[in-house]
Amino acid sequence: MNKPAKLKPKMKTRSHLFITLILISNLVFAQEKWSLEKCLSHANENNLQILAARLNEQTQEYNYKIAGNQQLPDVNVSLNSGLVFEPQMLSNQADYQYSKIFQNSGSLIVSAPLSNGGMLRLNKE
């Protein structure tokens, strides 16, 4: 009778590696089974129309806040300061004397809408 052929050690290692890779690939590429409830919740969460409606609602909330702030007065404050060195010729016309001039200025501007044709009230509504 013929004896079964023995695999060489190198072939054994290759065949074990091949079988191991096949088993691992099945585990990696296995897909999860979804129930009907999970499919519906996923569809609701990722529905573009629902997402657009949520964004539109947020935009309307921000517009409402902006309309309320338009009734408040605007206040602008500005402060400026400067130093100028100005040469002045002395009487002998050979020497100069420098004078220092400090300049300070400030402004406060307050404005408030008195009437906007009712647009402020309509924007708020």
PDB file of N, CA and C in Angstrom:
ATOM      1  N   MET A   1       0.813  -1.171   0.000  1.00  0.00           N
ATOM      2  CA  MET A   1       0.000   0.000   0.000  1.00  0.00           C
ATOM      3  C   MET A   1       0.859   1.238   0.000  1.00  0.00           C
ATOM      4  N   ASN A   2       0.245   2.222  -0.512  1.00  0.00           N
ATOM      5  CA  ASN A   2       0.973   3.486  -0.585  1.00  0.00           C
ATOM      6  C   ASN A   2       0.792   4.268   0.704  1.00  0.00           C
ATOM      7  N   LYS A   3       1.878   4.787   1.145  1.00  0.00           N
ATOM      8  CA  LYS A   3       1.817   5.623   2.335  1.00  0.00           C
ATOM      9  C   LYS A   3       1.365   7.024   1.925  1.00  0.00           C
ATOM     10  N   PRO A   4       0.542   7.691   2.790  1.00  0.00           N
ATOM     11  CA  PRO A   4       0.159   9.055   2.440  1.00  0.00           C
ATOM     12  C   PRO A   4       1.379   9.961   2.484  1.00  0.00           C
ATOM     13  N   ALA A   5       1.397  10.866   1.536  1.00  0.00           N
ATOM     14  CA  ALA A   5       2.543  11.776   1.434  1.00  0.00           C
ATOM     15  C   ALA A   5       2.507  12.764   2.587  1.00  0.00           C
ATOM     16  N   LYS A   6       3.646  12.936   3.214  1.00  0.00           N
ATOM     17  CA  LYS A   6       3.736  13.902   4.310  1.00  0.00           C
ATOM     18  C   LYS A   6       3.995  15.280   3.732  1.00  0.00           C
ATOM     19  N   LEU A   7       3.356  16.280   4.361  1.00  0.00           N
ATOM     20  CA  LEU A   7       3.577  17.661   3.922  1.00  0.00           C
ATOM     21  C   LEU A   7       4.901  18.141   4.482  1.00  0.00           C
ATOM     22  N   LYS A   8       5.560  18.872   3.680  1.00  0.00           N
ATOM     23  CA  LYS A   8       6.810  19.456   4.136  1.00  0.00           C
ATOM     24  C   LYS A   8       6.496  20.542   5.171  1.00  0.00           C
ATOM     25  N   PRO A   9       7.401  20.813   6.096  1.00  0.00           N
ATOM     26  CA  PRO A   9       7.136  21.828   7.127  1.00  0.00           C
ATOM     27  C   PRO A   9       6.815  23.194   6.546  1.00  0.00           C
ATOM     28  N   LYS A  10       7.434  23.529   5.432  1.00  0.00           N
ATOM     29  CA  LYS A  10       7.165  24.830   4.820  1.00  0.00           C
ATOM     30  C   LYS A  10       5.734  24.888   4.282  1.00  0.00           C
ATOM     31  N   MET A  11       5.268  23.816   3.696  1.00  0.00           N
ATOM     32  CA  MET A  11       3.915  23.747   3.158  1.00  0.00           C
ATOM     33  C   MET A  11       2.882  23.759   4.282  1.00  0.00           C
ATOM     34  N   LYS A  12       3.216  23.088   5.395  1.00  0.00           N
ATOM     35  CA  LYS A  12       2.314  23.068   6.540  1.00  0.00           C
ATOM     36  C   LYS A  12       2.090  24.489   7.056  1.00  0.00           C
ATOM     37  N   THR A  13       3.152  25.233   7.180  1.00  0.00           N
ATOM     38  CA  THR A  13       3.065  26.604   7.673  1.00  0.00           C
ATOM     39  C   THR A  13       2.243  27.454   6.724  1.00  0.00           C
ATOM     40  N   ARG A  14       2.429  27.297   5.452  1.00  0.00           N
ATOM     41  CA  ARG A  14       1.673  28.071   4.466  1.00  0.00           C
ATOM     42  C   ARG A  14       0.192  27.723   4.505  1.00  0.00           C
ATOM     43  N   SER A  15      -0.119  26.450   4.626  1.00  0.00           N
ATOM     44  CA  SER A  15      -1.529  26.058   4.654  1.00  0.00           C
ATOM     45  C   SER A  15      -2.200  26.554   5.936  1.00  0.00           C
ATOM     46  N   HIS A  16      -1.497  26.500   7.068  1.00  0.00           N
ATOM     47  CA  HIS A  16      -2.057  27.037   8.312  1.00  0.00           C
ATOM     48  C   HIS A  16      -2.271  28.548   8.208  1.00  0.00           C
ATOM     49  N   LEU A  17      -1.332  29.227   7.596  1.00  0.00           N
ATOM     50  CA  LEU A  17      -1.445  30.677   7.417  1.00  0.00           C
ATOM     51  C   LEU A  17      -2.627  31.013   6.510  1.00  0.00           C
ATOM     52  N   PHE A  18      -2.798  30.249   5.449  1.00  0.00           N
ATOM     53  CA  PHE A  18      -3.892  30.485   4.514  1.00  0.00           C
ATOM     54  C   PHE A  18      -5.244  30.285   5.198  1.00  0.00           C
ATOM     55  N   ILE A  19      -5.389  29.213   5.948  1.00  0.00           N
ATOM     56  CA  ILE A  19      -6.648  28.936   6.654  1.00  0.00           C
ATOM     57  C   ILE A  19      -6.917  30.018   7.700  1.00  0.00           C
ATOM     58  N   THR A  20      -5.883  30.440   8.410  1.00  0.00           N
ATOM     59  CA  THR A  20      -6.038  31.497   9.417  1.00  0.00           C
ATOM     60  C   THR A  20      -6.489  32.797   8.768  1.00  0.00           C
ATOM     61  N   LEU A  21      -5.913  33.155   7.625  1.00  0.00           N
ATOM     62  CA  LEU A  21      -6.315  34.380   6.928  1.00  0.00           C
ATOM     63  C   LEU A  21      -7.766  34.323   6.471  1.00  0.00           C
ATOM     64  N   ILE A  22      -8.205  33.181   6.013  1.00  0.00           N
ATOM     65  CA  ILE A  22      -9.600  33.036   5.581  1.00  0.00           C
ATOM     66  C   ILE A  22     -10.543  33.208   6.763  1.00  0.00           C
ATOM     67  N   LEU A  23     -10.218  32.623   7.903  1.00  0.00           N
ATOM     68  CA  LEU A  23     -11.074  32.752   9.082  1.00  0.00           C
ATOM     69  C   LEU A  23     -11.118  34.196   9.581  1.00  0.00           C
ATOM     70  N   ILE A  24      -9.978  34.851   9.584  1.00  0.00           N
ATOM     71  CA  ILE A  24      -9.934  36.250  10.047  1.00  0.00           C
ATOM     72  C   ILE A  24     -10.697  37.153   9.092  1.00  0.00           C
ATOM     73  N   SER A  25     -10.576  36.920   7.797  1.00  0.00           N
ATOM     74  CA  SER A  25     -11.289  37.768   6.833  1.00  0.00           C
ATOM     75  C   SER A  25     -12.799  37.622   6.989  1.00  0.00           C
ATOM     76  N   ASN A  26     -13.275  36.441   7.323  1.00  0.00           N
ATOM     77  CA  ASN A  26     -14.711  36.263   7.556  1.00  0.00           C
ATOM     78  C   ASN A  26     -15.170  37.058   8.772  1.00  0.00           C
ATOM     79  N   LEU A  27     -14.333  37.123   9.802  1.00  0.00           N
ATOM     80  CA  LEU A  27     -14.699  37.892  10.988  1.00  0.00           C
ATOM     81  C   LEU A  27     -14.674  39.393  10.709  1.00  0.00           C
ATOM     82  N   VAL A  28     -13.706  39.835   9.925  1.00  0.00           N
ATOM     83  CA  VAL A  28     -13.554  41.263   9.651  1.00  0.00           C
ATOM     84  C   VAL A  28     -14.676  41.785   8.771  1.00  0.00           C
ATOM     85  N   PHE A  29     -15.038  41.041   7.762  1.00  0.00           N
ATOM     86  CA  PHE A  29     -16.024  41.515   6.803  1.00  0.00           C
ATOM     87  C   PHE A  29     -17.446  41.054   7.116  1.00  0.00           C
ATOM     88  N   ALA A  30     -17.686  40.529   8.291  1.00  0.00           N
ATOM     89  CA  ALA A  30     -19.037  40.121   8.665  1.00  0.00           C
ATOM     90  C   ALA A  30     -19.900  41.359   8.833  1.00  0.00           C
ATOM     91  N   GLN A  31     -21.133  41.285   8.391  1.00  0.00           N
ATOM     92  CA  GLN A  31     -22.046  42.420   8.480  1.00  0.00           C
ATOM     93  C   GLN A  31     -23.005  42.213   9.639  1.00  0.00           C
ATOM     94  N   GLU A  32     -23.383  43.348  10.218  1.00  0.00           N
ATOM     95  CA  GLU A  32     -24.311  43.320  11.337  1.00  0.00           C
ATOM     96  C   GLU A  32     -25.735  43.242  10.787  1.00  0.00           C
ATOM     97  N   LYS A  33     -26.570  42.454  11.424  1.00  0.00           N
ATOM     98  CA  LYS A  33     -27.965  42.362  11.009  1.00  0.00           C
ATOM     99  C   LYS A  33     -28.753  43.421  11.755  1.00  0.00           C
ATOM    100  N   TRP A  34     -29.567  44.173  11.015  1.00  0.00           N
ATOM    101  CA  TRP A  34     -30.347  45.268  11.595  1.00  0.00           C
ATOM    102  C   TRP A  34     -31.804  44.861  11.690  1.00  0.00           C
ATOM    103  N   SER A  35     -32.413  45.283  12.776  1.00  0.00           N
ATOM    104  CA  SER A  35     -33.850  45.065  12.916  1.00  0.00           C
ATOM    105  C   SER A  35     -34.596  46.197  12.202  1.00  0.00           C
ATOM    106  N   LEU A  36     -35.892  46.023  12.065  1.00  0.00           N
ATOM    107  CA  LEU A  36     -36.695  47.049  11.416  1.00  0.00           C
ATOM    108  C   LEU A  36     -36.664  48.348  12.210  1.00  0.00           C
ATOM    109  N   GLU A  37     -36.709  48.246  13.541  1.00  0.00           N
ATOM    110  CA  GLU A  37     -36.668  49.436  14.390  1.00  0.00           C
ATOM    111  C   GLU A  37     -35.349  50.195  14.210  1.00  0.00           C
ATOM    112  N   LYS A  38     -34.255  49.447  14.135  1.00  0.00           N
ATOM    113  CA  LYS A  38     -32.949  50.093  13.965  1.00  0.00           C
ATOM    114  C   LYS A  38     -32.860  50.769  12.598  1.00  0.00           C
ATOM    115  N   CYS A  39     -33.409  50.150  11.571  1.00  0.00           N
ATOM    116  CA  CYS A  39     -33.417  50.757  10.228  1.00  0.00           C
ATOM    117  C   CYS A  39     -34.227  52.050  10.222  1.00  0.00           C
ATOM    118  N   LEU A  40     -35.390  52.024  10.871  1.00  0.00           N
ATOM    119  CA  LEU A  40     -36.231  53.225  10.898  1.00  0.00           C
ATOM    120  C   LEU A  40     -35.583  54.349  11.696  1.00  0.00           C
ATOM    121  N   SER A  41     -34.966  54.014  12.822  1.00  0.00           N
ATOM    122  CA  SER A  41     -34.314  55.071  13.615  1.00  0.00           C
ATOM    123  C   SER A  41     -33.115  55.643  12.861  1.00  0.00           C
ATOM    124  N   HIS A  42     -32.384  54.796  12.156  1.00  0.00           N
ATOM    125  CA  HIS A  42     -31.253  55.275  11.350  1.00  0.00           C
ATOM    126  C   HIS A  42     -31.747  56.194  10.224  1.00  0.00           C
ATOM    127  N   ALA A  43     -32.847  55.820   9.602  1.00  0.00           N
ATOM    128  CA  ALA A  43     -33.395  56.640   8.517  1.00  0.00           C
ATOM    129  C   ALA A  43     -33.887  57.984   9.047  1.00  0.00           C
ATOM    130  N   ASN A  44     -34.503  57.989  10.222  1.00  0.00           N
ATOM    131  CA  ASN A  44     -34.982  59.250  10.803  1.00  0.00           C
ATOM    132  C   ASN A  44     -33.823  60.155  11.195  1.00  0.00           C
ATOM    133  N   GLU A  45     -32.760  59.590  11.728  1.00  0.00           N
ATOM    134  CA  GLU A  45     -31.610  60.396  12.150  1.00  0.00           C
ATOM    135  C   GLU A  45     -30.875  61.003  10.960  1.00  0.00           C
ATOM    136  N   ASN A  46     -30.859  60.313   9.842  1.00  0.00           N
ATOM    137  CA  ASN A  46     -30.075  60.764   8.693  1.00  0.00           C
ATOM    138  C   ASN A  46     -30.925  61.282   7.540  1.00  0.00           C
ATOM    139  N   ASN A  47     -32.188  61.536   7.773  1.00  0.00           N
ATOM    140  CA  ASN A  47     -33.062  62.067   6.739  1.00  0.00           C
ATOM    141  C   ASN A  47     -32.680  63.527   6.471  1.00  0.00           C
ATOM    142  N   LEU A  48     -32.385  63.856   5.238  1.00  0.00           N
ATOM    143  CA  LEU A  48     -31.931  65.205   4.892  1.00  0.00           C
ATOM    144  C   LEU A  48     -33.015  66.249   5.121  1.00  0.00           C
ATOM    145  N   GLN A  49     -34.259  65.897   4.889  1.00  0.00           N
ATOM    146  CA  GLN A  49     -35.342  66.859   5.109  1.00  0.00           C
ATOM    147  C   GLN A  49     -35.491  67.183   6.588  1.00  0.00           C
ATOM    148  N   ILE A  50     -35.344  66.181   7.442  1.00  0.00           N
ATOM    149  CA  ILE A  50     -35.440  66.423   8.884  1.00  0.00           C
ATOM    150  C   ILE A  50     -34.256  67.260   9.350  1.00  0.00           C
ATOM    151  N   LEU A  51     -33.058  66.949   8.854  1.00  0.00           N
ATOM    152  CA  LEU A  51     -31.871  67.734   9.222  1.00  0.00           C
ATOM    153  C   LEU A  51     -32.013  69.181   8.754  1.00  0.00           C
ATOM    154  N   ALA A  52     -32.547  69.388   7.548  1.00  0.00           N
ATOM    155  CA  ALA A  52     -32.753  70.754   7.039  1.00  0.00           C
ATOM    156  C   ALA A  52     -33.783  71.494   7.891  1.00  0.00           C
ATOM    157  N   ALA A  53     -34.826  70.798   8.330  1.00  0.00           N
ATOM    158  CA  ALA A  53     -35.842  71.438   9.177  1.00  0.00           C
ATOM    159  C   ALA A  53     -35.238  71.835  10.524  1.00  0.00           C
ATOM    160  N   ARG A  54     -34.360  70.998  11.078  1.00  0.00           N
ATOM    161  CA  ARG A  54     -33.697  71.348  12.349  1.00  0.00           C
ATOM    162  C   ARG A  54     -32.811  72.576  12.181  1.00  0.00           C
ATOM    163  N   LEU A  55     -32.060  72.629  11.088  1.00  0.00           N
ATOM    164  CA  LEU A  55     -31.210  73.791  10.838  1.00  0.00           C
ATOM    165  C   LEU A  55     -32.045  75.054  10.630  1.00  0.00           C
ATOM    166  N   ASN A  56     -33.172  74.928   9.943  1.00  0.00           N
ATOM    167  CA  ASN A  56     -34.065  76.063   9.730  1.00  0.00           C
ATOM    168  C   ASN A  56     -34.627  76.562  11.064  1.00  0.00           C
ATOM    169  N   GLU A  57     -34.941  75.649  11.955  1.00  0.00           N
ATOM    170  CA  GLU A  57     -35.448  76.032  13.277  1.00  0.00           C
ATOM    171  C   GLU A  57     -34.373  76.791  14.064  1.00  0.00           C
ATOM    172  N   GLN A  58     -33.134  76.313  14.023  1.00  0.00           N
ATOM    173  CA  GLN A  58     -32.039  77.014  14.708  1.00  0.00           C
ATOM    174  C   GLN A  58     -31.830  78.406  14.117  1.00  0.00           C
ATOM    175  N   THR A  59     -31.923  78.517  12.792  1.00  0.00           N
ATOM    176  CA  THR A  59     -31.759  79.818  12.146  1.00  0.00           C
ATOM    177  C   THR A  59     -32.847  80.779  12.593  1.00  0.00           C
ATOM    178  N   GLN A  60     -34.072  80.300  12.695  1.00  0.00           N
ATOM    179  CA  GLN A  60     -35.171  81.154  13.135  1.00  0.00           C
ATOM    180  C   GLN A  60     -34.981  81.603  14.586  1.00  0.00           C
ATOM    181  N   GLU A  61     -34.429  80.727  15.432  1.00  0.00           N
ATOM    182  CA  GLU A  61     -34.151  81.116  16.825  1.00  0.00           C
ATOM    183  C   GLU A  61     -33.101  82.228  16.871  1.00  0.00           C
ATOM    184  N   TYR A  62     -32.055  82.097  16.070  1.00  0.00           N
ATOM    185  CA  TYR A  62     -31.023  83.140  16.027  1.00  0.00           C
ATOM    186  C   TYR A  62     -31.587  84.454  15.478  1.00  0.00           C
ATOM    187  N   ASN A  63     -32.416  84.375  14.457  1.00  0.00           N
ATOM    188  CA  ASN A  63     -33.037  85.589  13.906  1.00  0.00           C
ATOM    189  C   ASN A  63     -33.922  86.274  14.939  1.00  0.00           C
ATOM    190  N   TYR A  64     -34.612  85.498  15.768  1.00  0.00           N
ATOM    191  CA  TYR A  64     -35.454  86.062  16.824  1.00  0.00           C
ATOM    192  C   TYR A  64     -34.591  86.813  17.840  1.00  0.00           C
ATOM    193  N   LYS A  65     -33.454  86.218  18.212  1.00  0.00           N
ATOM    194  CA  LYS A  65     -32.551  86.885  19.155  1.00  0.00           C
ATOM    195  C   LYS A  65     -31.975  88.166  18.553  1.00  0.00           C
ATOM    196  N   ILE A  66     -31.628  88.126  17.285  1.00  0.00           N
ATOM    197  CA  ILE A  66     -31.080  89.311  16.614  1.00  0.00           C
ATOM    198  C   ILE A  66     -32.131  90.409  16.546  1.00  0.00           C
ATOM    199  N   ALA A  67     -33.376  90.051  16.251  1.00  0.00           N
ATOM    200  CA  ALA A  67     -34.452  91.052  16.173  1.00  0.00           C
ATOM    201  C   ALA A  67     -34.658  91.710  17.534  1.00  0.00           C
ATOM    202  N   GLY A  68     -34.542  90.961  18.609  1.00  0.00           N
ATOM    203  CA  GLY A  68     -34.666  91.547  19.934  1.00  0.00           C
ATOM    204  C   GLY A  68     -33.525  92.498  20.243  1.00  0.00           C
ATOM    205  N   ASN A  69     -32.332  92.183  19.761  1.00  0.00           N
ATOM    206  CA  ASN A  69     -31.181  93.051  20.011  1.00  0.00           C
ATOM    207  C   ASN A  69     -31.193  94.316  19.163  1.00  0.00           C
ATOM    208  N   GLN A  70     -31.953  94.327  18.075  1.00  0.00           N
ATOM    209  CA  GLN A  70     -32.015  95.512  17.225  1.00  0.00           C
ATOM    210  C   GLN A  70     -32.760  96.656  17.903  1.00  0.00           C
ATOM    211  N   GLN A  71     -33.525  96.370  18.926  1.00  0.00           N
ATOM    212  CA  GLN A  71     -34.238  97.411  19.646  1.00  0.00           C
ATOM    213  C   GLN A  71     -33.335  98.110  20.659  1.00  0.00           C
ATOM    214  N   LEU A  72     -32.192  97.517  20.971  1.00  0.00           N
ATOM    215  CA  LEU A  72     -31.274  98.101  21.942  1.00  0.00           C
ATOM    216  C   LEU A  72     -30.432  99.185  21.282  1.00  0.00           C
ATOM    217  N   PRO A  73     -29.970 100.162  22.058  1.00  0.00           N
ATOM    218  CA  PRO A  73     -29.134 101.217  21.471  1.00  0.00           C
ATOM    219  C   PRO A  73     -27.722 100.716  21.151  1.00  0.00           C
ATOM    220  N   ASP A  74     -27.104 101.360  20.180  1.00  0.00           N
ATOM    221  CA  ASP A  74     -25.707 101.090  19.835  1.00  0.00           C
ATOM    222  C   ASP A  74     -24.835 102.089  20.574  1.00  0.00           C
ATOM    223  N   VAL A  75     -23.735 101.616  21.132  1.00  0.00           N
ATOM    224  CA  VAL A  75     -22.804 102.493  21.842  1.00  0.00           C
ATOM    225  C   VAL A  75     -21.419 102.283  21.250  1.00  0.00           C
ATOM    226  N   ASN A  76     -20.794 103.374  20.804  1.00  0.00           N
ATOM    227  CA  ASN A  76     -19.437 103.334  20.266  1.00  0.00           C
ATOM    228  C   ASN A  76     -18.570 104.311  21.052  1.00  0.00           C
ATOM    229  N   VAL A  77     -17.431 103.842  21.524  1.00  0.00           N
ATOM    230  CA  VAL A  77     -16.500 104.668  22.283  1.00  0.00           C
ATOM    231  C   VAL A  77     -15.167 104.637  21.556  1.00  0.00           C
ATOM    232  N   SER A  78     -14.564 105.824  21.417  1.00  0.00           N
ATOM    233  CA  SER A  78     -13.271 105.922  20.745  1.00  0.00           C
ATOM    234  C   SER A  78     -12.365 106.843  21.551  1.00  0.00           C
ATOM    235  N   LEU A  79     -11.144 106.427  21.828  1.00  0.00           N
ATOM    236  CA  LEU A  79     -10.145 107.236  22.520  1.00  0.00           C
ATOM    237  C   LEU A  79      -8.881 107.249  21.676  1.00  0.00           C
ATOM    238  N   ASN A  80      -8.321 108.423  21.468  1.00  0.00           N
ATOM    239  CA  ASN A  80      -7.096 108.572  20.684  1.00  0.00           C
ATOM    240  C   ASN A  80      -6.109 109.426  21.467  1.00  0.00           C
ATOM    241  N   SER A  81      -4.855 109.073  21.342  1.00  0.00           N
ATOM    242  CA  SER A  81      -3.807 109.827  22.020  1.00  0.00           C
ATOM    243  C   SER A  81      -2.600 109.875  21.098  1.00  0.00           C
ATOM    244  N   GLY A  82      -1.889 111.001  21.123  1.00  0.00           N
ATOM    245  CA  GLY A  82      -0.725 111.129  20.249  1.00  0.00           C
ATOM    246  C   GLY A  82       0.299 112.086  20.819  1.00  0.00           C
ATOM    247  N   LEU A  83       1.527 111.964  20.334  1.00  0.00           N
ATOM    248  CA  LEU A  83       2.634 112.813  20.752  1.00  0.00           C
ATOM    249  C   LEU A  83       3.334 113.291  19.484  1.00  0.00           C
ATOM    250  N   VAL A  84       3.517 114.609  19.358  1.00  0.00           N
ATOM    251  CA  VAL A  84       4.140 115.184  18.176  1.00  0.00           C
ATOM    252  C   VAL A  84       5.382 115.962  18.615  1.00  0.00           C
ATOM    253  N   PHE A  85       6.503 115.686  17.948  1.00  0.00           N
ATOM    254  CA  PHE A  85       7.725 116.475  18.161  1.00  0.00           C
ATOM    255  C   PHE A  85       7.817 117.466  17.007  1.00  0.00           C
ATOM    256  N   GLU A  86       7.853 118.759  17.347  1.00  0.00           N
ATOM    257  CA  GLU A  86       7.857 119.781  16.313  1.00  0.00           C
ATOM    258  C   GLU A  86       9.123 120.639  16.465  1.00  0.00           C
ATOM    259  N   PRO A  87       9.951 120.694  15.407  1.00  0.00           N
ATOM    260  CA  PRO A  87      11.160 121.527  15.510  1.00  0.00           C
ATOM    261  C   PRO A  87      10.829 123.011  15.334  1.00  0.00           C
ATOM    262  N   GLN A  88      11.449 123.846  16.136  1.00  0.00           N
ATOM    263  CA  GLN A  88      11.296 125.296  16.012  1.00  0.00           C
ATOM    264  C   GLN A  88      12.688 125.903  15.904  1.00  0.00           C
ATOM    265  N   MET A  89      12.846 126.787  14.940  1.00  0.00           N
ATOM    266  CA  MET A  89      14.141 127.418  14.723  1.00  0.00           C
ATOM    267  C   MET A  89      14.334 128.537  15.760  1.00  0.00           C
ATOM    268  N   LEU A  90      15.491 128.558  16.351  1.00  0.00           N
ATOM    269  CA  LEU A  90      15.809 129.608  17.343  1.00  0.00           C
ATOM    270  C   LEU A  90      16.231 130.888  16.633  1.00  0.00           C
ATOM    271  N   SER A  91      16.447 131.937  17.411  1.00  0.00           N
ATOM    272  CA  SER A  91      16.743 133.262  16.848  1.00  0.00           C
ATOM    273  C   SER A  91      18.058 133.303  16.077  1.00  0.00           C
ATOM    274  N   ASN A  92      19.038 132.514  16.461  1.00  0.00           N
ATOM    275  CA  ASN A  92      20.308 132.567  15.732  1.00  0.00           C
ATOM    276  C   ASN A  92      20.262 131.709  14.467  1.00  0.00           C
ATOM    277  N   GLN A  93      19.219 131.031  14.206  1.00  0.00           N
ATOM    278  CA  GLN A  93      18.930 130.252  13.016  1.00  0.00           C
ATOM    279  C   GLN A  93      19.944 129.150  12.750  1.00  0.00           C
ATOM    280  N   ALA A  94      20.682 128.772  13.751  1.00  0.00           N
ATOM    281  CA  ALA A  94      21.603 127.657  13.609  1.00  0.00           C
ATOM    282  C   ALA A  94      21.147 126.470  14.448  1.00  0.00           C
ATOM    283  N   ASP A  95      20.383 126.773  15.463  1.00  0.00           N
ATOM    284  CA  ASP A  95      19.939 125.706  16.364  1.00  0.00           C
ATOM    285  C   ASP A  95      18.432 125.518  16.254  1.00  0.00           C
ATOM    286  N   TYR A  96      18.049 124.315  16.574  1.00  0.00           N
ATOM    287  CA  TYR A  96      16.619 123.990  16.617  1.00  0.00           C
ATOM    288  C   TYR A  96      16.241 123.615  18.037  1.00  0.00           C
ATOM    289  N   GLN A  97      15.037 123.913  18.371  1.00  0.00           N
ATOM    290  CA  GLN A  97      14.486 123.490  19.643  1.00  0.00           C
ATOM    291  C   GLN A  97      13.226 122.677  19.311  1.00  0.00           C
ATOM    292  N   TYR A  98      13.112 121.557  19.949  1.00  0.00           N
ATOM    293  CA  TYR A  98      11.965 120.685  19.681  1.00  0.00           C
ATOM    294  C   TYR A  98      10.929 120.870  20.770  1.00  0.00           C
ATOM    295  N   SER A  99       9.739 121.066  20.368  1.00  0.00           N
ATOM    296  CA  SER A  99       8.653 121.168  21.343  1.00  0.00           C
ATOM    297  C   SER A  99       7.800 119.908  21.240  1.00  0.00           C
ATOM    298  N   LYS A 100       7.299 119.483  22.369  1.00  0.00           N
ATOM    299  CA  LYS A 100       6.449 118.301  22.429  1.00  0.00           C
ATOM    300  C   LYS A 100       4.990 118.742  22.515  1.00  0.00           C
ATOM    301  N   ILE A 101       4.180 118.148  21.699  1.00  0.00           N
ATOM    302  CA  ILE A 101       2.753 118.451  21.719  1.00  0.00           C
ATOM    303  C   ILE A 101       2.015 117.136  21.962  1.00  0.00           C
ATOM    304  N   PHE A 102       1.281 117.086  23.033  1.00  0.00           N
ATOM    305  CA  PHE A 102       0.462 115.924  23.341  1.00  0.00           C
ATOM    306  C   PHE A 102      -0.952 116.187  22.851  1.00  0.00           C
ATOM    307  N   GLN A 103      -1.507 115.211  22.169  1.00  0.00           N
ATOM    308  CA  GLN A 103      -2.871 115.340  21.665  1.00  0.00           C
ATOM    309  C   GLN A 103      -3.709 114.184  22.205  1.00  0.00           C
ATOM    310  N   ASN A 104      -4.839 114.501  22.751  1.00  0.00           N
ATOM    311  CA  ASN A 104      -5.796 113.507  23.237  1.00  0.00           C
ATOM    312  C   ASN A 104      -7.166 113.862  22.698  1.00  0.00           C
ATOM    313  N   SER A 105      -7.903 112.853  22.312  1.00  0.00           N
ATOM    314  CA  SER A 105      -9.279 113.085  21.883  1.00  0.00           C
ATOM    315  C   SER A 105     -10.106 111.852  22.224  1.00  0.00           C
ATOM    316  N   GLY A 106     -11.357 112.059  22.400  1.00  0.00           N
ATOM    317  CA  GLY A 106     -12.258 110.959  22.713  1.00  0.00           C
ATOM    318  C   GLY A 106     -13.631 111.243  22.163  1.00  0.00           C
ATOM    319  N   SER A 107     -14.371 110.190  21.935  1.00  0.00           N
ATOM    320  CA  SER A 107     -15.738 110.370  21.449  1.00  0.00           C
ATOM    321  C   SER A 107     -16.614 109.251  21.994  1.00  0.00           C
ATOM    322  N   LEU A 108     -17.845 109.577  22.192  1.00  0.00           N
ATOM    323  CA  LEU A 108     -18.854 108.625  22.633  1.00  0.00           C
ATOM    324  C   LEU A 108     -20.074 108.839  21.744  1.00  0.00           C
ATOM    325  N   ILE A 109     -20.472 107.787  21.050  1.00  0.00           N
ATOM    326  CA  ILE A 109     -21.610 107.885  20.138  1.00  0.00           C
ATOM    327  C   ILE A 109     -22.659 106.861  20.580  1.00  0.00           C
ATOM    328  N   VAL A 110     -23.851 107.333  20.821  1.00  0.00           N
ATOM    329  CA  VAL A 110     -24.964 106.463  21.208  1.00  0.00           C
ATOM    330  C   VAL A 110     -26.083 106.694  20.200  1.00  0.00           C
ATOM    331  N   SER A 111     -26.583 105.606  19.648  1.00  0.00           N
ATOM    332  CA  SER A 111     -27.695 105.733  18.708  1.00  0.00           C
ATOM    333  C   SER A 111     -28.736 104.661  19.024  1.00  0.00           C
ATOM    334  N   ALA A 112     -29.976 105.019  18.855  1.00  0.00           N
ATOM    335  CA  ALA A 112     -31.076 104.087  19.094  1.00  0.00           C
ATOM    336  C   ALA A 112     -32.127 104.289  18.020  1.00  0.00           C
ATOM    337  N   PRO A 113     -32.708 103.217  17.516  1.00  0.00           N
ATOM    338  CA  PRO A 113     -33.759 103.369  16.503  1.00  0.00           C
ATOM    339  C   PRO A 113     -35.051 103.895  17.139  1.00  0.00           C
ATOM    340  N   LEU A 114     -35.580 104.941  16.574  1.00  0.00           N
ATOM    341  CA  LEU A 114     -36.849 105.486  17.058  1.00  0.00           C
ATOM    342  C   LEU A 114     -38.016 104.858  16.313  1.00  0.00           C
ATOM    343  N   SER A 115     -37.899 104.789  15.001  1.00  0.00           N
ATOM    344  CA  SER A 115     -38.963 104.196  14.212  1.00  0.00           C
ATOM    345  C   SER A 115     -38.326 103.547  12.991  1.00  0.00           C
ATOM    346  N   ASN A 116     -38.813 102.388  12.685  1.00  0.00           N
ATOM    347  CA  ASN A 116     -38.310 101.672  11.528  1.00  0.00           C
ATOM    348  C   ASN A 116     -39.493 101.186  10.689  1.00  0.00           C
ATOM    349  N   GLY A 117     -40.558 101.932  10.740  1.00  0.00           N
ATOM    350  CA  GLY A 117     -41.747 101.551   9.971  1.00  0.00           C
ATOM    351  C   GLY A 117     -42.398 100.291  10.491  1.00  0.00           C
ATOM    352  N   GLY A 118     -42.200  99.969  11.766  1.00  0.00           N
ATOM    353  CA  GLY A 118     -42.785  98.753  12.332  1.00  0.00           C
ATOM    354  C   GLY A 118     -42.015  97.493  12.014  1.00  0.00           C
ATOM    355  N   MET A 119     -40.874  97.594  11.344  1.00  0.00           N
ATOM    356  CA  MET A 119     -40.111  96.415  10.969  1.00  0.00           C
ATOM    357  C   MET A 119     -39.516  95.690  12.176  1.00  0.00           C
ATOM    358  N   LEU A 120     -39.153  96.430  13.207  1.00  0.00           N
ATOM    359  CA  LEU A 120     -38.599  95.783  14.392  1.00  0.00           C
ATOM    360  C   LEU A 120     -39.621  94.874  15.046  1.00  0.00           C
ATOM    361  N   ARG A 121     -40.841  95.356  15.162  1.00  0.00           N
ATOM    362  CA  ARG A 121     -41.907  94.543  15.767  1.00  0.00           C
ATOM    363  C   ARG A 121     -42.209  93.336  14.883  1.00  0.00           C
ATOM    364  N   LEU A 122     -42.255  93.534  13.560  1.00  0.00           N
ATOM    365  CA  LEU A 122     -42.552  92.434  12.650  1.00  0.00           C
ATOM    366  C   LEU A 122     -41.427  91.400  12.640  1.00  0.00           C
ATOM    367  N   ASN A 123     -40.193  91.868  12.729  1.00  0.00           N
ATOM    368  CA  ASN A 123     -39.078  90.920  12.775  1.00  0.00           C
ATOM    369  C   ASN A 123     -39.146  90.067  14.039  1.00  0.00           C
ATOM    370  N   LYS A 124     -39.556  90.668  15.131  1.00  0.00           N
ATOM    371  CA  LYS A 124     -39.640  89.946  16.392  1.00  0.00           C
ATOM    372  C   LYS A 124     -40.765  88.912  16.346  1.00  0.00           C
ATOM    373  N   GLU A 125     -41.843  89.259  15.672  1.00  0.00           N
ATOM    374  CA  GLU A 125     -42.976  88.310  15.592  1.00  0.00           C
ATOM    375  C   GLU A 125     -42.601  87.196  14.662  1.00  0.00           C
TER     376      GLU A 125
END
